[in-house]
Amino acid sequence: MRVQLVEHPLVAHKLTVLRKKETPSLIFRQLTEELVMLLAYEATRDVAVERVEIETPVATTTGVRLARPTPLVVPILRAGLGMLEGMVRMAPTAEVGFLGMARNEETLDIVTYAERLPADLTGRHVFVLDPMLATGGTLAETVRFLYARKARRVTCICLLAAPEGIARLEGELADVDVDIYLAAIDERLNEQAYIVPGLGDAGDRLYGVAE
């Protein structure tokens, strides 16, 4: 497992505004999209491409396009949806799947409650979108789920991470080929498993509180 912290003045600036409790949902969504585009730029540096011949207005030349099978983008419901637009802007030919996971409060197991993915991911590079890497349970289960369907490679893009979540992934995914791209690694988790200083509940700040 490889953890990549994207250190850039624009990332730090946008993340600072994102953290502020006064930032309204509209601006929060815009900043999330912009941050994901910056993170995706780094996360896709070694995405597979193939050569293609094209005609410009002046001559024939050779360029590149995303290789087939094209990458698959998988936002984790619901907060991951707020990251989707920024990712597909950077990789418009990628396909999109969806995955919803929740913790069973009695058994504490991670349960898949929604899924729209190909049954066979052979050869696919999958990009997982989840704003917060807190305890790490959902992300670890997601990575295992995707490799069980024979994904070729999994790359996770998160806005924030807690050290506890990173440590859990390093323990549970020690022998798994996975890259994690982050805008920041925060101090810790609090008693309610919120990232500190964090930015609150990403889903609520993106879409409001659903009651």
C-alpha atoms as a PDB file:
ATOM      1  CA  MET A   1       0.000   0.000   0.000  1.00  0.00           C
ATOM      2  CA  ARG A   2       1.298   3.422  -0.949  1.00  0.00           C
ATOM      3  CA  VAL A   3       0.073   6.691   0.581  1.00  0.00           C
ATOM      4  CA  GLN A   4       0.618   9.837  -1.502  1.00  0.00           C
ATOM      5  CA  LEU A   5       0.087  13.219   0.177  1.00  0.00           C
ATOM      6  CA  VAL A   6      -0.470  15.844  -2.520  1.00  0.00           C
ATOM      7  CA  GLU A   7       1.272  18.965  -1.231  1.00  0.00           C
ATOM      8  CA  HIS A   8       0.446  22.001  -3.340  1.00  0.00           C
ATOM      9  CA  PRO A   9      -0.484  25.617  -2.477  1.00  0.00           C
ATOM     10  CA  LEU A  10      -3.795  25.400  -4.361  1.00  0.00           C
ATOM     11  CA  VAL A  11      -4.730  22.175  -2.585  1.00  0.00           C
ATOM     12  CA  ALA A  12      -3.922  23.701   0.808  1.00  0.00           C
ATOM     13  CA  HIS A  13      -5.861  26.898   0.032  1.00  0.00           C
ATOM     14  CA  LYS A  14      -8.996  25.133  -1.184  1.00  0.00           C
ATOM     15  CA  LEU A  15      -8.915  22.679   1.688  1.00  0.00           C
ATOM     16  CA  THR A  16      -8.714  25.535   4.187  1.00  0.00           C
ATOM     17  CA  VAL A  17     -11.902  27.102   2.802  1.00  0.00           C
ATOM     18  CA  LEU A  18     -13.539  23.659   2.705  1.00  0.00           C
ATOM     19  CA  ARG A  19     -12.832  23.156   6.413  1.00  0.00           C
ATOM     20  CA  LYS A  20     -14.464  26.414   7.530  1.00  0.00           C
ATOM     21  CA  LYS A  21     -17.813  25.790   9.167  1.00  0.00           C
ATOM     22  CA  GLU A  22     -19.230  28.945   7.535  1.00  0.00           C
ATOM     23  CA  THR A  23     -18.649  27.620   3.993  1.00  0.00           C
ATOM     24  CA  PRO A  24     -22.103  26.983   2.436  1.00  0.00           C
ATOM     25  CA  SER A  25     -22.998  23.758   0.624  1.00  0.00           C
ATOM     26  CA  LEU A  26     -22.787  25.350  -2.834  1.00  0.00           C
ATOM     27  CA  ILE A  27     -19.208  26.515  -2.304  1.00  0.00           C
ATOM     28  CA  PHE A  28     -18.367  23.264  -0.512  1.00  0.00           C
ATOM     29  CA  ARG A  29     -19.456  21.275  -3.575  1.00  0.00           C
ATOM     30  CA  GLN A  30     -17.491  23.516  -5.944  1.00  0.00           C
ATOM     31  CA  LEU A  31     -14.341  23.282  -3.845  1.00  0.00           C
ATOM     32  CA  THR A  32     -14.692  19.503  -3.558  1.00  0.00           C
ATOM     33  CA  GLU A  33     -14.885  19.229  -7.347  1.00  0.00           C
ATOM     34  CA  GLU A  34     -11.802  21.422  -7.764  1.00  0.00           C
ATOM     35  CA  LEU A  35      -9.831  19.513  -5.135  1.00  0.00           C
ATOM     36  CA  VAL A  36     -10.651  16.202  -6.754  1.00  0.00           C
ATOM     37  CA  MET A  37      -9.417  17.498 -10.097  1.00  0.00           C
ATOM     38  CA  LEU A  38      -6.088  18.449  -8.504  1.00  0.00           C
ATOM     39  CA  LEU A  39      -5.793  15.088  -6.737  1.00  0.00           C
ATOM     40  CA  ALA A  40      -6.830  13.196  -9.863  1.00  0.00           C
ATOM     41  CA  TYR A  41      -4.070  14.903 -11.838  1.00  0.00           C
ATOM     42  CA  GLU A  42      -1.545  13.188  -9.568  1.00  0.00           C
ATOM     43  CA  ALA A  43      -3.469   9.936  -9.148  1.00  0.00           C
ATOM     44  CA  THR A  44      -3.671   9.330 -12.913  1.00  0.00           C
ATOM     45  CA  ARG A  45      -0.019   9.952 -13.754  1.00  0.00           C
ATOM     46  CA  ASP A  46       0.561   6.300 -14.646  1.00  0.00           C
ATOM     47  CA  VAL A  47      -2.893   5.431 -15.971  1.00  0.00           C
ATOM     48  CA  ALA A  48      -2.652   3.082 -18.945  1.00  0.00           C
ATOM     49  CA  VAL A  49      -2.759   4.724 -22.379  1.00  0.00           C
ATOM     50  CA  GLU A  50      -2.504   3.543 -25.970  1.00  0.00           C
ATOM     51  CA  ARG A  51      -1.230   5.287 -29.076  1.00  0.00           C
ATOM     52  CA  VAL A  52      -3.721   6.572 -31.622  1.00  0.00           C
ATOM     53  CA  GLU A  53      -3.322   8.253 -35.004  1.00  0.00           C
ATOM     54  CA  ILE A  54      -5.356  11.428 -35.560  1.00  0.00           C
ATOM     55  CA  GLU A  55      -5.788  14.185 -38.114  1.00  0.00           C
ATOM     56  CA  THR A  56      -5.161  17.755 -37.025  1.00  0.00           C
ATOM     57  CA  PRO A  57      -6.203  20.665 -39.281  1.00  0.00           C
ATOM     58  CA  VAL A  58      -2.615  20.629 -40.547  1.00  0.00           C
ATOM     59  CA  ALA A  59      -1.293  17.056 -40.605  1.00  0.00           C
ATOM     60  CA  THR A  60      -1.513  13.498 -39.363  1.00  0.00           C
ATOM     61  CA  THR A  61       0.060  12.849 -35.973  1.00  0.00           C
ATOM     62  CA  THR A  62       0.179  10.256 -33.244  1.00  0.00           C
ATOM     63  CA  GLY A  63      -1.225  10.902 -29.788  1.00  0.00           C
ATOM     64  CA  VAL A  64      -2.517   8.838 -26.875  1.00  0.00           C
ATOM     65  CA  ARG A  65      -5.874   7.958 -25.367  1.00  0.00           C
ATOM     66  CA  LEU A  66      -6.918   6.026 -22.289  1.00  0.00           C
ATOM     67  CA  ALA A  67      -6.331   2.349 -22.974  1.00  0.00           C
ATOM     68  CA  ARG A  68      -9.124  -0.202 -23.028  1.00  0.00           C
ATOM     69  CA  PRO A  69     -10.622  -1.397 -20.834  1.00  0.00           C
ATOM     70  CA  THR A  70     -11.085   2.194 -19.719  1.00  0.00           C
ATOM     71  CA  PRO A  71     -10.716   3.134 -16.044  1.00  0.00           C
ATOM     72  CA  LEU A  72     -13.700   2.641 -13.761  1.00  0.00           C
ATOM     73  CA  VAL A  73     -14.601   5.379 -11.276  1.00  0.00           C
ATOM     74  CA  VAL A  74     -16.428   4.188  -8.142  1.00  0.00           C
ATOM     75  CA  PRO A  75     -17.763   6.794  -5.687  1.00  0.00           C
ATOM     76  CA  ILE A  76     -18.710   5.413  -2.272  1.00  0.00           C
ATOM     77  CA  LEU A  77     -22.280   6.478  -1.479  1.00  0.00           C
ATOM     78  CA  ARG A  78     -23.298   9.026  -0.499  1.00  0.00           C
ATOM     79  CA  ALA A  79     -20.486  11.502   0.109  1.00  0.00           C
ATOM     80  CA  GLY A  80     -18.355  10.086  -2.701  1.00  0.00           C
ATOM     81  CA  LEU A  81     -20.907  11.374  -5.203  1.00  0.00           C
ATOM     82  CA  GLY A  82     -19.697  14.897  -4.462  1.00  0.00           C
ATOM     83  CA  MET A  83     -16.296  13.921  -5.873  1.00  0.00           C
ATOM     84  CA  LEU A  84     -17.585  12.322  -9.055  1.00  0.00           C
ATOM     85  CA  GLU A  85     -17.908  15.399 -11.269  1.00  0.00           C
ATOM     86  CA  GLY A  86     -14.322  16.482 -10.677  1.00  0.00           C
ATOM     87  CA  MET A  87     -13.023  13.008 -11.492  1.00  0.00           C
ATOM     88  CA  VAL A  88     -14.956  12.554 -14.720  1.00  0.00           C
ATOM     89  CA  ARG A  89     -13.900  16.019 -15.858  1.00  0.00           C
ATOM     90  CA  MET A  90     -10.317  14.777 -15.681  1.00  0.00           C
ATOM     91  CA  ALA A  91     -11.097  11.372 -17.238  1.00  0.00           C
ATOM     92  CA  PRO A  92     -14.232  11.863 -19.369  1.00  0.00           C
ATOM     93  CA  THR A  93     -13.981   8.495 -21.109  1.00  0.00           C
ATOM     94  CA  ALA A  94     -13.896   6.574 -17.818  1.00  0.00           C
ATOM     95  CA  GLU A  95     -16.925   4.513 -16.858  1.00  0.00           C
ATOM     96  CA  VAL A  96     -18.733   4.979 -13.550  1.00  0.00           C
ATOM     97  CA  GLY A  97     -19.975   2.427 -11.038  1.00  0.00           C
ATOM     98  CA  PHE A  98     -21.465   2.882  -7.570  1.00  0.00           C
ATOM     99  CA  LEU A  99     -20.934   1.197  -4.234  1.00  0.00           C
ATOM    100  CA  GLY A 100     -22.786   1.744  -0.958  1.00  0.00           C
ATOM    101  CA  MET A 101     -21.472   0.307   2.294  1.00  0.00           C
ATOM    102  CA  ALA A 102     -22.552   0.739   5.917  1.00  0.00           C
ATOM    103  CA  ARG A 103     -21.595  -0.662   9.299  1.00  0.00           C
ATOM    104  CA  ASN A 104     -23.952  -3.137  10.957  1.00  0.00           C
ATOM    105  CA  GLU A 105     -24.374  -1.619  14.412  1.00  0.00           C
ATOM    106  CA  GLU A 106     -24.835  -5.033  16.048  1.00  0.00           C
ATOM    107  CA  THR A 107     -22.040  -7.022  14.439  1.00  0.00           C
ATOM    108  CA  LEU A 108     -19.861  -4.012  13.449  1.00  0.00           C
ATOM    109  CA  ASP A 109     -19.316  -5.699  10.073  1.00  0.00           C
ATOM    110  CA  ILE A 110     -19.290  -3.628   6.872  1.00  0.00           C
ATOM    111  CA  VAL A 111     -22.373  -4.493   4.798  1.00  0.00           C
ATOM    112  CA  THR A 112     -22.817  -3.727   1.093  1.00  0.00           C
ATOM    113  CA  TYR A 113     -26.301  -2.238   0.668  1.00  0.00           C
ATOM    114  CA  ALA A 114     -26.022  -0.905  -2.908  1.00  0.00           C
ATOM    115  CA  GLU A 115     -23.859  -1.915  -5.823  1.00  0.00           C
ATOM    116  CA  ARG A 116     -23.778  -1.127  -9.532  1.00  0.00           C
ATOM    117  CA  LEU A 117     -20.573  -2.614 -10.892  1.00  0.00           C
ATOM    118  CA  PRO A 118     -19.513  -5.101 -13.562  1.00  0.00           C
ATOM    119  CA  ALA A 119     -19.362  -8.642 -12.213  1.00  0.00           C
ATOM    120  CA  ASP A 120     -15.910  -9.069 -13.778  1.00  0.00           C
ATOM    121  CA  LEU A 121     -13.346  -6.264 -13.393  1.00  0.00           C
ATOM    122  CA  THR A 122     -10.503  -8.129 -15.080  1.00  0.00           C
ATOM    123  CA  GLY A 123      -8.000  -5.642 -16.521  1.00  0.00           C
ATOM    124  CA  ARG A 124      -9.725  -2.593 -14.997  1.00  0.00           C
ATOM    125  CA  HIS A 125      -7.968   0.172 -13.105  1.00  0.00           C
ATOM    126  CA  VAL A 126     -10.527   1.281 -10.512  1.00  0.00           C
ATOM    127  CA  PHE A 127     -10.503   4.733  -8.904  1.00  0.00           C
ATOM    128  CA  VAL A 128     -12.385   4.830  -5.597  1.00  0.00           C
ATOM    129  CA  LEU A 129     -13.753   8.178  -4.382  1.00  0.00           C
ATOM    130  CA  ASP A 130     -14.445   8.721  -0.679  1.00  0.00           C
ATOM    131  CA  PRO A 131     -13.932  12.131   0.983  1.00  0.00           C
ATOM    132  CA  MET A 132     -12.956  10.898   4.446  1.00  0.00           C
ATOM    133  CA  LEU A 133     -10.597   8.095   5.435  1.00  0.00           C
ATOM    134  CA  ALA A 134     -11.546   7.922   9.114  1.00  0.00           C
ATOM    135  CA  THR A 135     -11.531   4.462  10.713  1.00  0.00           C
ATOM    136  CA  GLY A 136     -10.589   2.826   7.409  1.00  0.00           C
ATOM    137  CA  GLY A 137     -13.150   0.024   7.655  1.00  0.00           C
ATOM    138  CA  THR A 138     -15.240   0.985   4.638  1.00  0.00           C
ATOM    139  CA  LEU A 139     -12.261   1.662   2.398  1.00  0.00           C
ATOM    140  CA  ALA A 140     -10.555  -1.606   3.330  1.00  0.00           C
ATOM    141  CA  GLU A 141     -13.710  -3.558   2.563  1.00  0.00           C
ATOM    142  CA  THR A 142     -14.157  -1.675  -0.717  1.00  0.00           C
ATOM    143  CA  VAL A 143     -10.642  -2.528  -1.887  1.00  0.00           C
ATOM    144  CA  ARG A 144     -11.143  -6.205  -1.009  1.00  0.00           C
ATOM    145  CA  PHE A 145     -14.519  -6.189  -2.786  1.00  0.00           C
ATOM    146  CA  LEU A 146     -12.971  -4.809  -5.993  1.00  0.00           C
ATOM    147  CA  TYR A 147     -10.053  -7.228  -6.006  1.00  0.00           C
ATOM    148  CA  ALA A 148     -12.458 -10.096  -5.409  1.00  0.00           C
ATOM    149  CA  ARG A 149     -13.960  -9.117  -8.756  1.00  0.00           C
ATOM    150  CA  LYS A 150     -10.471  -9.300 -10.278  1.00  0.00           C
ATOM    151  CA  ALA A 151      -9.678  -5.578 -10.643  1.00  0.00           C
ATOM    152  CA  ARG A 152      -6.192  -5.075 -12.065  1.00  0.00           C
ATOM    153  CA  ARG A 153      -5.398  -2.124  -9.827  1.00  0.00           C
ATOM    154  CA  VAL A 154      -7.165   0.061  -7.243  1.00  0.00           C
ATOM    155  CA  THR A 155      -6.413   3.722  -6.536  1.00  0.00           C
ATOM    156  CA  CYS A 156      -8.264   5.587  -3.770  1.00  0.00           C
ATOM    157  CA  ILE A 157      -8.732   9.350  -3.732  1.00  0.00           C
ATOM    158  CA  CYS A 158      -9.702  10.949  -0.400  1.00  0.00           C
ATOM    159  CA  LEU A 159      -9.713  14.538   0.808  1.00  0.00           C
ATOM    160  CA  LEU A 160      -8.714  13.840   4.418  1.00  0.00           C
ATOM    161  CA  ALA A 161      -7.338  10.944   6.414  1.00  0.00           C
ATOM    162  CA  ALA A 162      -6.813  10.180  10.080  1.00  0.00           C
ATOM    163  CA  PRO A 163      -3.616   8.388  11.134  1.00  0.00           C
ATOM    164  CA  GLU A 164      -5.740   5.631  12.694  1.00  0.00           C
ATOM    165  CA  GLY A 165      -7.428   4.918   9.354  1.00  0.00           C
ATOM    166  CA  ILE A 166      -4.130   4.822   7.487  1.00  0.00           C
ATOM    167  CA  ALA A 167      -2.666   2.460  10.091  1.00  0.00           C
ATOM    168  CA  ARG A 168      -5.657   0.132   9.784  1.00  0.00           C
ATOM    169  CA  LEU A 169      -5.333  -0.008   6.005  1.00  0.00           C
ATOM    170  CA  GLU A 170      -1.602  -0.643   6.255  1.00  0.00           C
ATOM    171  CA  GLY A 171      -2.368  -3.582   8.512  1.00  0.00           C
ATOM    172  CA  GLU A 172      -5.303  -5.040   6.573  1.00  0.00           C
ATOM    173  CA  LEU A 173      -4.000  -4.324   3.055  1.00  0.00           C
ATOM    174  CA  ALA A 174      -0.305  -4.884   3.628  1.00  0.00           C
ATOM    175  CA  ASP A 175      -0.003  -7.258   0.686  1.00  0.00           C
ATOM    176  CA  VAL A 176      -2.445  -5.479  -1.620  1.00  0.00           C
ATOM    177  CA  ASP A 177      -1.472  -3.221  -4.526  1.00  0.00           C
ATOM    178  CA  VAL A 178      -3.344  -0.038  -3.683  1.00  0.00           C
ATOM    179  CA  ASP A 179      -2.490   3.668  -3.896  1.00  0.00           C
ATOM    180  CA  ILE A 180      -4.158   6.282  -1.694  1.00  0.00           C
ATOM    181  CA  TYR A 181      -4.016   9.977  -2.679  1.00  0.00           C
ATOM    182  CA  LEU A 182      -4.797  12.545   0.015  1.00  0.00           C
ATOM    183  CA  ALA A 183      -5.045  16.315   0.347  1.00  0.00           C
ATOM    184  CA  ALA A 184      -4.163  16.150   4.073  1.00  0.00           C
ATOM    185  CA  ILE A 185      -3.454  13.810   6.961  1.00  0.00           C
ATOM    186  CA  ASP A 186      -5.088  15.218  10.081  1.00  0.00           C
ATOM    187  CA  GLU A 187      -4.302  14.800  13.788  1.00  0.00           C
ATOM    188  CA  ARG A 188      -6.586  12.015  15.020  1.00  0.00           C
ATOM    189  CA  LEU A 189     -10.079  10.604  15.416  1.00  0.00           C
ATOM    190  CA  ASN A 190     -12.279  11.780  18.261  1.00  0.00           C
ATOM    191  CA  GLU A 191     -14.579   9.604  20.370  1.00  0.00           C
ATOM    192  CA  GLN A 192     -17.310   9.773  17.713  1.00  0.00           C
ATOM    193  CA  ALA A 193     -14.841   8.673  14.988  1.00  0.00           C
ATOM    194  CA  TYR A 194     -14.793  12.130  13.391  1.00  0.00           C
ATOM    195  CA  ILE A 195     -11.509  13.345  11.927  1.00  0.00           C
ATOM    196  CA  VAL A 196      -9.918  16.196  13.944  1.00  0.00           C
ATOM    197  CA  PRO A 197      -9.670  19.007  12.907  1.00  0.00           C
ATOM    198  CA  GLY A 198     -11.449  17.584   9.855  1.00  0.00           C
ATOM    199  CA  LEU A 199     -14.359  19.299   8.163  1.00  0.00           C
ATOM    200  CA  GLY A 200     -17.386  17.664   9.786  1.00  0.00           C
ATOM    201  CA  ASP A 201     -19.691  15.219   8.027  1.00  0.00           C
ATOM    202  CA  ALA A 202     -18.796  15.469   4.339  1.00  0.00           C
ATOM    203  CA  GLY A 203     -22.143  14.087   3.154  1.00  0.00           C
ATOM    204  CA  ASP A 204     -24.146  16.566   5.229  1.00  0.00           C
ATOM    205  CA  ARG A 205     -22.001  19.480   4.124  1.00  0.00           C
ATOM    206  CA  LEU A 206     -22.333  18.494   0.472  1.00  0.00           C
ATOM    207  CA  TYR A 207     -26.047  17.765   0.430  1.00  0.00           C
ATOM    208  CA  GLY A 208     -27.567  18.893   3.720  1.00  0.00           C
ATOM    209  CA  VAL A 209     -28.877  16.787   6.582  1.00  0.00           C
ATOM    210  CA  ALA A 210     -31.291  14.096   5.408  1.00  0.00           C
ATOM    211  CA  GLU A 211     -33.817  13.308   8.138  1.00  0.00           C
END
